[in-house]
C-alpha atoms as a PDB file:
ATOM      1  CA  MET A   1      -0.043  -0.068  -0.076  1.00  0.00           C
ATOM      2  CA  LYS A   2       1.319   3.528  -0.837  1.00  0.00           C
ATOM      3  CA  VAL A   3       0.236   6.719  -0.957  1.00  0.00           C
ATOM      4  CA  GLY A   4      -2.479   7.592  -4.019  1.00  0.00           C
ATOM      5  CA  ASP A   5      -3.722   3.478  -4.012  1.00  0.00           C
ATOM      6  CA  ILE A   6      -7.206   3.726  -4.138  1.00  0.00           C
ATOM      7  CA  VAL A   7      -8.928   2.060  -0.940  1.00  0.00           C
ATOM      8  CA  LYS A   8     -12.040   0.249  -0.228  1.00  0.00           C
ATOM      9  CA  TRP A   9     -12.794  -0.217   3.907  1.00  0.00           C
ATOM     10  CA  CYS A  10     -15.304  -2.514   4.797  1.00  0.00           C
ATOM     11  CA  ILE A  11     -17.076  -1.117   8.159  1.00  0.00           C
ATOM     12  CA  VAL A  12     -18.683  -3.886  10.194  1.00  0.00           C
ATOM     13  CA  ASN A  13     -19.219  -3.886  14.011  1.00  0.00           C
ATOM     14  CA  ASN A  14     -17.780  -7.335  14.777  1.00  0.00           C
ATOM     15  CA  ASP A  15     -16.576 -10.661  13.022  1.00  0.00           C
ATOM     16  CA  GLU A  16     -19.934 -11.829  14.127  1.00  0.00           C
ATOM     17  CA  GLN A  17     -22.209  -8.972  12.656  1.00  0.00           C
ATOM     18  CA  PRO A  18     -23.196  -8.842   9.024  1.00  0.00           C
ATOM     19  CA  LEU A  19     -21.414  -6.118   6.518  1.00  0.00           C
ATOM     20  CA  ILE A  20     -22.706  -2.409   7.458  1.00  0.00           C
ATOM     21  CA  GLU A  21     -21.602  -0.548   4.252  1.00  0.00           C
ATOM     22  CA  PHE A  22     -17.893  -0.106   2.380  1.00  0.00           C
ATOM     23  CA  GLU A  23     -16.419   3.035   1.863  1.00  0.00           C
ATOM     24  CA  TYR A  24     -13.905   4.510  -0.879  1.00  0.00           C
ATOM     25  CA  GLY A  25     -11.088   6.817  -0.350  1.00  0.00           C
ATOM     26  CA  THR A  26      -7.254   7.509  -1.665  1.00  0.00           C
ATOM     27  CA  VAL A  27      -4.797   7.107   1.125  1.00  0.00           C
ATOM     28  CA  ILE A  28      -2.929  10.150   1.798  1.00  0.00           C
ATOM     29  CA  ALA A  29      -0.465   9.271   4.460  1.00  0.00           C
ATOM     30  CA  LEU A  30       0.867   6.447   5.718  1.00  0.00           C
ATOM     31  CA  GLN A  31       2.213   5.572   9.373  1.00  0.00           C
ATOM     32  CA  ASP A  32       4.661   3.001  10.740  1.00  0.00           C
ATOM     33  CA  ALA A  33       2.985   0.752  12.910  1.00  0.00           C
ATOM     34  CA  MET A  34       1.968   2.021  16.782  1.00  0.00           C
ATOM     35  CA  ASP A  35       2.680   0.022  19.714  1.00  0.00           C
ATOM     36  CA  PHE A  36      -0.256  -1.243  21.768  1.00  0.00           C
ATOM     37  CA  GLY A  37       1.269  -3.750  24.046  1.00  0.00           C
ATOM     38  CA  ASP A  38       2.139  -6.931  22.168  1.00  0.00           C
ATOM     39  CA  ARG A  39       0.456  -5.791  18.985  1.00  0.00           C
ATOM     40  CA  ARG A  40       1.256  -3.272  16.363  1.00  0.00           C
ATOM     41  CA  PHE A  41      -0.448  -1.761  13.762  1.00  0.00           C
ATOM     42  CA  PRO A  42       0.229   0.553  10.674  1.00  0.00           C
ATOM     43  CA  ARG A  43      -2.191   2.948   9.511  1.00  0.00           C
ATOM     44  CA  ALA A  44      -3.353   5.039   6.942  1.00  0.00           C
ATOM     45  CA  LEU A  45      -4.744   8.151   6.740  1.00  0.00           C
ATOM     46  CA  VAL A  46      -8.008   8.123   4.143  1.00  0.00           C
ATOM     47  CA  LEU A  47      -9.464  10.928   2.413  1.00  0.00           C
ATOM     48  CA  PHE A  48     -13.066   9.624   1.433  1.00  0.00           C
ATOM     49  CA  THR A  49     -15.418  10.281  -1.275  1.00  0.00           C
ATOM     50  CA  ASP A  50     -17.148  12.294   1.129  1.00  0.00           C
ATOM     51  CA  GLY A  51     -14.361  14.334   2.116  1.00  0.00           C
ATOM     52  CA  THR A  52     -13.811  13.381   5.428  1.00  0.00           C
ATOM     53  CA  GLN A  53     -10.372  12.088   6.558  1.00  0.00           C
ATOM     54  CA  ASP A  54      -9.810   9.080   9.044  1.00  0.00           C
ATOM     55  CA  TRP A  55      -6.620   6.878  10.040  1.00  0.00           C
ATOM     56  CA  ILE A  56      -7.510   3.322   9.533  1.00  0.00           C
ATOM     57  CA  ARG A  57      -5.534   0.223  10.344  1.00  0.00           C
ATOM     58  CA  ILE A  58      -3.698  -1.122   7.066  1.00  0.00           C
ATOM     59  CA  ARG A  59      -4.983  -4.734   7.521  1.00  0.00           C
ATOM     60  CA  ASN A  60      -8.710  -3.318   7.736  1.00  0.00           C
ATOM     61  CA  LEU A  61      -8.510  -1.665   3.825  1.00  0.00           C
ATOM     62  CA  GLU A  62      -8.450  -3.328   0.331  1.00  0.00           C
ATOM     63  CA  VAL A  63      -6.351  -1.619  -2.455  1.00  0.00           C
ATOM     64  CA  ILE A  64      -8.295  -1.400  -5.453  1.00  0.00           C
ATOM     65  CA  SER A  65      -6.286   0.486  -7.551  1.00  0.00           C
ATOM     66  CA  GLU A  66      -2.659   1.328  -7.153  1.00  0.00           C
ATOM     67  CA  ALA A  67      -1.482   4.787  -7.601  1.00  0.00           C
END
C-alpha cells in the first residue's frame, strides 16, 4: 500500500455481525506501526469520497487501484 492508492474499507461491528457498508477513498499518508502492548498496527490516512479523513489500520483496507 502506498500514498495515492484507491482503497475500500469494509465497516463491520465485529466478526459476528453482518456487513454494514463499504467506504472508498484515497491514501494520503502512511504511519508506521503504533505500539499497543504486544500488537502493532500500521495505519493509513484515507481521504474518503465524502470529504472526511480518518486513520485506518492497513489490515482493514483493500487496495482496489494502485497509484
